[in-house]
Amino acid sequence: MKNILLALLLAGSFLSPQALAQSDALHQAIAGKQRSIAHKQRDKYRHPQQTLEFFEVKNNMTVVEVWPGEGWYTEILASYLKDQGKLYAAHFSPDADQPYFKKNLQEFVKKIKSQPKVYGKLELTVLQPPKFLQIAPETSVDRILTFRNVHNWMKNDQAAAVFNAMYKALKPGGILGVVEHRNSTLKPQDPKAAFGYVTEDYVIALARNAGFEFLGKSEINANSKDTKDYPEGVWTLPPTLKLKDKDRKKYLEIGESERMTIKFIKPR
């Protein structure tokens, strides 16, 4: 707490005692023992403190994390929200056709069962278009967050359905936070996002078509080293490193992809 306060004073900033307490609670969740060392090492690329503060996530809110994968952000959010808030994890269906989906869900369930003190209040829901689209009770949540998933929905022509589902779950005045691999504006957007990159304008259009209003964007997760022209798309870069040892040093020096960080609001 003292270190955070000192940093803010040195930066010439001022926050209320409540905001300082929120910032410290989030810092403690990020630094917590429930997070793996490997995940913490990726904070330098993903900037979880700045990202979640940009999305205005408070620890007394009801939040949905959409398609949390193996739970990188879940480790932080579950700890941050467990005492005063509520976390839904809208994951894959156990009856999904693709083996990857089933395996990923099984590993996630194993993870949350391993630490009941952290994940005991987490509620699993299912997002598997077109059949399962209720990620939380309608108009019940304060924040919906999704990290690097829009390209997956585009690949399967599911993006519009998912944005509509997120709109339905949010309360009026609630915020949708999106982090996605950011494509260059110099090339037309592939509607299937085969290389994993999506333009900001495309994401903004998806959100607006669902009824959201654009609220703001940040360069927190930008990476100017990312040239976005790799043989295996975004998966050429870490953490996937799809080319394995080929040019590994080069791709490690680039780091994780450049990402847009955008927030939208559901009108009151």
Protein backbone atom coordinates (compact mmCIF):
# COMPACT_ATOMS: atom_id res chain seq x y z
CA MET A 1 0.00 0.00 0.00
CA LYS A 2 2.78 2.44 0.92
CA ASN A 3 4.65 1.68 -2.30
CA ILE A 4 1.55 2.32 -4.40
CA LEU A 5 0.82 5.58 -2.59
CA LEU A 6 4.43 6.73 -3.03
CA ALA A 7 4.35 5.95 -6.75
CA LEU A 8 1.16 7.95 -7.18
CA LEU A 9 2.57 10.92 -5.30
CA LEU A 10 5.74 10.86 -7.37
CA ALA A 11 3.65 10.77 -10.53
CA GLY A 12 1.72 13.82 -9.37
CA SER A 13 -1.52 11.86 -9.19
CA PHE A 14 -4.22 11.77 -6.54
CA LEU A 15 -6.67 9.02 -5.75
CA SER A 16 -9.32 8.83 -3.06
CA PRO A 17 -8.73 6.47 -0.11
CA GLN A 18 -11.30 4.11 -1.63
CA ALA A 19 -9.52 4.07 -4.97
CA LEU A 20 -6.18 3.50 -3.27
CA ALA A 21 -7.65 0.58 -1.34
CA GLN A 22 -9.01 -0.91 -4.59
CA SER A 23 -5.65 -0.52 -6.28
CA ASP A 24 -3.86 -2.16 -3.38
CA ALA A 25 -6.35 -5.05 -3.27
CA LEU A 26 -5.81 -5.65 -6.98
CA HIS A 27 -2.05 -5.49 -6.52
CA GLN A 28 -2.28 -8.11 -3.77
CA ALA A 29 -4.34 -10.40 -6.02
CA ILE A 30 -1.77 -10.07 -8.80
CA ALA A 31 1.10 -10.77 -6.43
CA GLY A 32 -0.73 -13.63 -4.70
CA LYS A 33 0.55 -17.18 -4.23
CA GLN A 34 -2.45 -18.58 -6.12
CA ARG A 35 -0.77 -17.48 -9.37
CA SER A 36 1.82 -19.65 -11.05
CA ILE A 37 5.34 -18.32 -11.51
CA ALA A 38 5.02 -18.85 -15.26
CA HIS A 39 1.92 -16.66 -15.34
CA LYS A 40 3.54 -13.91 -13.31
CA GLN A 41 6.43 -13.82 -15.76
CA ARG A 42 3.97 -12.77 -18.46
CA ASP A 43 2.74 -9.72 -16.55
CA LYS A 44 5.30 -7.61 -18.42
CA TYR A 45 3.35 -8.29 -21.63
CA ARG A 46 -0.20 -8.31 -20.27
CA HIS A 47 -0.12 -5.52 -17.65
CA PRO A 48 -2.97 -6.92 -15.54
CA GLN A 49 -3.04 -4.09 -12.98
CA GLN A 50 -3.30 -1.34 -15.58
CA THR A 51 -5.67 -3.35 -17.77
CA LEU A 52 -8.19 -4.16 -15.04
CA GLU A 53 -8.03 -0.62 -13.70
CA PHE A 54 -8.69 0.70 -17.21
CA PHE A 55 -11.77 -1.54 -17.35
CA GLU A 56 -12.80 -0.05 -13.97
CA VAL A 57 -13.16 -3.41 -12.25
CA LYS A 58 -13.90 -3.08 -8.52
CA ASN A 59 -13.71 -5.91 -6.01
CA ASN A 60 -17.39 -5.66 -5.06
CA MET A 61 -18.65 -6.14 -8.61
CA THR A 62 -20.23 -9.05 -10.46
CA VAL A 63 -17.91 -9.93 -13.34
CA VAL A 64 -17.98 -12.41 -16.22
CA GLU A 65 -14.74 -13.62 -17.76
CA VAL A 66 -15.60 -14.97 -21.19
CA TRP A 67 -13.69 -18.01 -22.44
CA PRO A 68 -11.03 -17.90 -19.72
CA GLY A 69 -8.99 -20.72 -21.29
CA GLU A 70 -6.66 -22.22 -18.70
CA GLY A 71 -7.28 -19.33 -16.33
CA TRP A 72 -4.49 -16.78 -16.64
CA TYR A 73 -6.75 -13.88 -15.69
CA THR A 74 -9.02 -16.08 -13.58
CA GLU A 75 -6.23 -16.49 -11.03
CA ILE A 76 -6.31 -12.73 -10.49
CA LEU A 77 -10.03 -12.07 -10.78
CA ALA A 78 -11.13 -14.90 -8.50
CA SER A 79 -8.81 -13.73 -5.74
CA TYR A 80 -9.76 -10.07 -6.19
CA LEU A 81 -13.53 -10.71 -6.15
CA LYS A 82 -13.84 -13.61 -3.71
CA ASP A 83 -14.72 -11.61 -0.57
CA GLN A 84 -17.08 -8.91 -1.84
CA GLY A 85 -17.81 -9.66 -5.49
CA LYS A 86 -18.90 -12.44 -7.81
CA LEU A 87 -17.09 -14.09 -10.72
CA TYR A 88 -18.65 -16.08 -13.54
CA ALA A 89 -16.38 -18.01 -15.89
CA ALA A 90 -18.17 -18.56 -19.20
CA HIS A 91 -16.26 -21.56 -20.49
CA PHE A 92 -16.65 -24.26 -23.13
CA SER A 93 -19.40 -26.87 -23.05
CA PRO A 94 -18.46 -30.30 -21.66
CA ASP A 95 -20.32 -31.67 -24.70
CA ALA A 96 -18.28 -29.64 -27.21
CA ASP A 97 -17.37 -31.42 -30.45
CA GLN A 98 -13.73 -30.35 -30.49
CA PRO A 99 -11.37 -32.33 -28.21
CA TYR A 100 -9.42 -29.14 -27.45
CA PHE A 101 -12.49 -27.54 -25.89
CA LYS A 102 -13.19 -30.56 -23.69
CA LYS A 103 -9.58 -30.88 -22.56
CA ASN A 104 -9.26 -27.17 -21.84
CA LEU A 105 -12.45 -27.18 -19.76
CA GLN A 106 -11.32 -30.27 -17.83
CA GLU A 107 -8.02 -28.62 -16.96
CA PHE A 108 -9.79 -25.44 -15.89
CA VAL A 109 -12.19 -27.37 -13.63
CA LYS A 110 -9.26 -29.24 -12.10
CA LYS A 111 -7.56 -25.91 -11.45
CA ILE A 112 -10.51 -24.32 -9.65
CA LYS A 113 -11.14 -27.43 -7.56
CA SER A 114 -7.51 -27.44 -6.42
CA GLN A 115 -7.84 -24.13 -4.53
CA PRO A 116 -11.33 -23.86 -3.02
CA LYS A 117 -10.36 -20.85 -0.87
CA VAL A 118 -9.63 -18.88 -4.02
CA TYR A 119 -12.17 -20.31 -6.47
CA GLY A 120 -14.91 -21.53 -4.15
CA LYS A 121 -17.37 -18.78 -5.14
CA LEU A 122 -16.60 -18.91 -8.86
CA GLU A 123 -19.60 -20.00 -10.94
CA LEU A 124 -19.08 -21.83 -14.22
CA THR A 125 -21.43 -21.05 -17.10
CA VAL A 126 -21.32 -22.18 -20.73
CA LEU A 127 -20.66 -20.19 -23.86
CA GLN A 128 -20.74 -22.44 -26.91
CA PRO A 129 -22.58 -20.81 -29.82
CA PRO A 130 -25.06 -21.32 -31.24
CA LYS A 131 -26.58 -23.55 -28.54
CA PHE A 132 -25.30 -22.06 -25.27
CA LEU A 133 -25.34 -18.28 -25.03
CA GLN A 134 -26.46 -17.40 -21.50
CA ILE A 135 -23.19 -16.47 -19.80
CA ALA A 136 -24.98 -15.03 -16.73
CA PRO A 137 -28.53 -14.04 -15.80
CA GLU A 138 -29.81 -11.26 -18.04
CA THR A 139 -28.85 -7.69 -16.98
CA SER A 140 -27.11 -8.99 -13.85
CA VAL A 141 -23.41 -8.18 -14.21
CA ASP A 142 -21.28 -5.05 -13.88
CA ARG A 143 -18.35 -6.04 -16.06
CA ILE A 144 -17.69 -8.53 -18.84
CA LEU A 145 -14.08 -9.17 -19.79
CA THR A 146 -12.64 -11.13 -22.69
CA PHE A 147 -8.97 -11.55 -23.50
CA ARG A 148 -7.77 -12.55 -27.00
CA ASN A 149 -10.96 -14.34 -28.03
CA VAL A 150 -12.62 -12.25 -30.74
CA HIS A 151 -10.59 -13.90 -33.52
CA ASN A 152 -11.82 -17.32 -32.35
CA TRP A 153 -15.44 -16.25 -32.64
CA MET A 154 -14.80 -14.72 -36.07
CA LYS A 155 -13.23 -17.97 -37.26
CA ASN A 156 -16.51 -19.80 -36.60
CA ASP A 157 -18.89 -16.98 -37.61
CA GLN A 158 -19.93 -16.62 -33.97
CA ALA A 159 -18.79 -13.09 -33.15
CA ALA A 160 -22.16 -11.37 -33.57
CA ALA A 161 -23.92 -13.98 -31.43
CA VAL A 162 -21.33 -13.66 -28.65
CA PHE A 163 -21.44 -9.86 -28.57
CA ASN A 164 -25.24 -10.05 -28.35
CA ALA A 165 -24.95 -12.52 -25.46
CA MET A 166 -22.54 -10.22 -23.62
CA TYR A 167 -24.87 -7.28 -24.15
CA LYS A 168 -27.79 -9.20 -22.65
CA ALA A 169 -25.87 -10.19 -19.52
CA LEU A 170 -24.63 -6.68 -18.68
CA LYS A 171 -26.56 -4.26 -16.55
CA PRO A 172 -27.38 -0.92 -18.18
CA GLY A 173 -24.28 1.18 -17.52
CA GLY A 174 -22.11 -1.92 -17.34
CA ILE A 175 -18.78 -2.12 -19.15
CA LEU A 176 -17.43 -4.64 -21.64
CA GLY A 177 -13.62 -4.85 -21.70
CA VAL A 178 -11.92 -6.36 -24.75
CA VAL A 179 -8.26 -7.22 -25.26
CA GLU A 180 -7.42 -8.61 -28.72
CA HIS A 181 -4.46 -9.05 -31.05
CA ARG A 182 -4.43 -5.80 -33.04
CA ASN A 183 -4.19 -5.94 -36.81
CA SER A 184 -2.69 -3.30 -39.06
CA THR A 185 -5.18 -0.88 -40.61
CA LEU A 186 -3.22 -1.04 -43.88
CA LYS A 187 -4.69 -4.42 -44.78
CA PRO A 188 -8.36 -5.38 -45.22
CA GLN A 189 -9.64 -7.41 -42.31
CA ASP A 190 -10.00 -11.12 -42.98
CA PRO A 191 -13.53 -11.88 -41.67
CA LYS A 192 -12.23 -15.25 -40.44
CA ALA A 193 -9.14 -13.71 -38.75
CA ALA A 194 -7.08 -16.69 -39.90
CA PHE A 195 -3.81 -15.19 -38.60
CA GLY A 196 -5.33 -14.16 -35.26
CA TYR A 197 -5.20 -10.39 -35.75
CA VAL A 198 -8.24 -8.10 -35.78
CA THR A 199 -8.51 -4.38 -36.48
CA GLU A 200 -9.88 -2.06 -33.82
CA ASP A 201 -12.52 -0.80 -36.25
CA TYR A 202 -13.80 -4.36 -36.75
CA VAL A 203 -14.15 -4.96 -33.01
CA ILE A 204 -15.81 -1.58 -32.51
CA ALA A 205 -18.29 -2.38 -35.29
CA LEU A 206 -19.12 -5.76 -33.71
CA ALA A 207 -19.79 -4.08 -30.38
CA ARG A 208 -21.87 -1.25 -31.85
CA ASN A 209 -23.96 -3.69 -33.87
CA ALA A 210 -24.85 -5.43 -30.59
CA GLY A 211 -25.92 -2.12 -29.01
CA PHE A 212 -22.76 -1.09 -27.16
CA GLU A 213 -21.33 2.42 -27.18
CA PHE A 214 -17.58 2.99 -27.50
CA LEU A 215 -16.19 4.26 -24.19
CA GLY A 216 -12.43 4.45 -24.64
CA LYS A 217 -9.21 2.69 -25.55
CA SER A 218 -5.72 2.41 -24.14
CA GLU A 219 -2.22 1.63 -25.43
CA ILE A 220 -1.40 -0.36 -22.27
CA ASN A 221 -0.86 -3.56 -24.25
CA ALA A 222 0.67 -2.14 -27.42
CA ASN A 223 3.90 -3.67 -28.77
CA SER A 224 5.61 -1.78 -31.59
CA LYS A 225 7.98 -4.71 -32.20
CA ASP A 226 5.11 -6.87 -33.47
CA THR A 227 5.20 -6.73 -37.29
CA LYS A 228 2.13 -8.99 -37.65
CA ASP A 229 3.49 -10.82 -40.71
CA TYR A 230 4.56 -14.23 -39.44
CA PRO A 231 4.26 -17.63 -41.15
CA GLU A 232 2.01 -19.03 -38.41
CA GLY A 233 0.22 -15.80 -37.62
CA VAL A 234 0.07 -14.52 -34.06
CA TRP A 235 0.84 -18.04 -32.79
CA THR A 236 4.39 -17.64 -34.11
CA LEU A 237 5.04 -15.35 -31.13
CA PRO A 238 5.20 -16.35 -27.46
CA PRO A 239 3.65 -17.90 -25.54
CA THR A 240 2.72 -20.38 -28.31
CA LEU A 241 5.95 -20.24 -30.37
CA LYS A 242 4.43 -22.50 -33.00
CA LEU A 243 7.68 -22.71 -34.99
CA LYS A 244 9.34 -24.15 -31.87
CA ASP A 245 13.12 -23.67 -32.14
CA LYS A 246 13.11 -21.97 -35.54
CA ASP A 247 13.99 -18.28 -35.04
CA ARG A 248 13.02 -18.74 -31.40
CA LYS A 249 15.33 -16.00 -30.11
CA LYS A 250 13.93 -13.53 -32.65
CA TYR A 251 10.34 -14.15 -31.60
CA LEU A 252 11.15 -14.10 -27.90
CA GLU A 253 12.75 -10.68 -28.38
CA ILE A 254 9.56 -9.43 -30.03
CA GLY A 255 7.50 -10.72 -27.12
CA GLU A 256 3.78 -11.29 -27.06
CA SER A 257 1.56 -9.71 -29.70
CA GLU A 258 0.51 -6.10 -29.91
CA ARG A 259 -2.98 -5.82 -28.44
CA MET A 260 -5.85 -3.40 -28.48
CA THR A 261 -7.42 -2.63 -25.11
CA ILE A 262 -10.93 -1.23 -25.57
CA LYS A 263 -13.94 -0.68 -23.36
CA PHE A 264 -17.59 -0.31 -24.29
CA ILE A 265 -20.65 0.61 -22.24
CA LYS A 266 -24.21 -0.68 -22.36
CA PRO A 267 -26.39 2.44 -22.48
CA ARG A 268 -28.67 3.14 -19.54
